[in-house]
């Protein structure tokens, strides 16, 4: 996951590169997200449908 890019007026090539890396990571879905999940009583499985949840991703419940 990309690091935060500091909000400073720096306009160096490294800063532009760091910003591009962060934006591309966010567009790929490489972000930390929080959500809610409700399970009915007696339910023994749940399906998470979100395009950010795919092979190679980790979901903590």
Protein backbone atom coordinates (compact mmCIF):
# COMPACT_ATOMS: atom_id res chain seq x y z
CA UNK A 1 0.00 0.00 0.00
CA UNK A 2 1.30 3.44 -0.87
CA UNK A 3 2.23 5.94 1.81
CA UNK A 4 0.51 9.25 2.33
CA UNK A 5 1.93 12.12 0.32
CA UNK A 6 2.48 15.19 2.51
CA UNK A 7 0.46 18.29 1.61
CA UNK A 8 3.27 20.76 0.97
CA UNK A 9 3.92 23.17 -1.91
CA UNK A 10 6.99 21.12 -2.99
CA UNK A 11 7.00 20.67 -6.79
CA UNK A 12 10.06 18.43 -7.17
CA UNK A 13 10.17 15.44 -9.56
CA UNK A 14 10.29 13.06 -6.56
CA UNK A 15 7.19 14.66 -5.10
CA UNK A 16 5.33 14.31 -8.41
CA UNK A 17 6.41 10.66 -8.61
CA UNK A 18 5.25 9.97 -5.01
CA UNK A 19 1.91 11.60 -5.80
CA UNK A 20 1.48 9.49 -8.94
CA UNK A 21 2.29 6.30 -6.99
CA UNK A 22 -0.29 7.19 -4.32
CA UNK A 23 -3.01 8.05 -6.84
CA UNK A 24 -2.39 4.89 -8.87
CA UNK A 25 -2.54 2.75 -5.71
CA UNK A 26 -5.86 4.32 -4.74
CA UNK A 27 -7.27 3.75 -8.24
CA UNK A 28 -6.22 0.07 -8.02
CA UNK A 29 -8.10 -0.23 -4.75
CA UNK A 30 -5.00 -0.56 -2.57
CA UNK A 31 -6.63 1.33 0.27
CA UNK A 32 -7.70 0.53 3.81
CA UNK A 33 -11.49 0.58 4.04
CA UNK A 34 -13.96 0.05 6.85
CA UNK A 35 -17.47 -1.30 6.47
CA UNK A 36 -20.27 -3.11 8.26
CA UNK A 37 -21.49 -6.64 7.78
CA UNK A 38 -24.69 -8.08 9.23
CA UNK A 39 -25.27 -11.81 9.60
CA UNK A 40 -28.70 -13.25 10.26
CA UNK A 41 -29.14 -15.67 13.14
CA UNK A 42 -28.15 -19.18 12.07
CA UNK A 43 -26.36 -17.96 8.95
CA UNK A 44 -23.08 -19.82 8.44
CA UNK A 45 -21.64 -17.99 5.44
CA UNK A 46 -21.44 -14.48 4.05
CA UNK A 47 -20.43 -13.25 0.59
CA UNK A 48 -18.60 -9.94 0.30
CA UNK A 49 -19.27 -8.32 -3.09
CA UNK A 50 -16.93 -5.44 -3.75
CA UNK A 51 -14.59 -4.96 -6.70
CA UNK A 52 -11.79 -4.13 -4.25
CA UNK A 53 -12.12 -7.64 -2.75
CA UNK A 54 -10.35 -9.97 -5.14
CA UNK A 55 -7.53 -12.48 -5.23
CA UNK A 56 -4.52 -11.24 -3.35
CA UNK A 57 -6.55 -9.00 -1.01
CA UNK A 58 -7.05 -9.50 2.71
CA UNK A 59 -10.33 -9.09 4.59
CA UNK A 60 -10.42 -8.93 8.39
CA UNK A 61 -13.71 -9.70 10.11
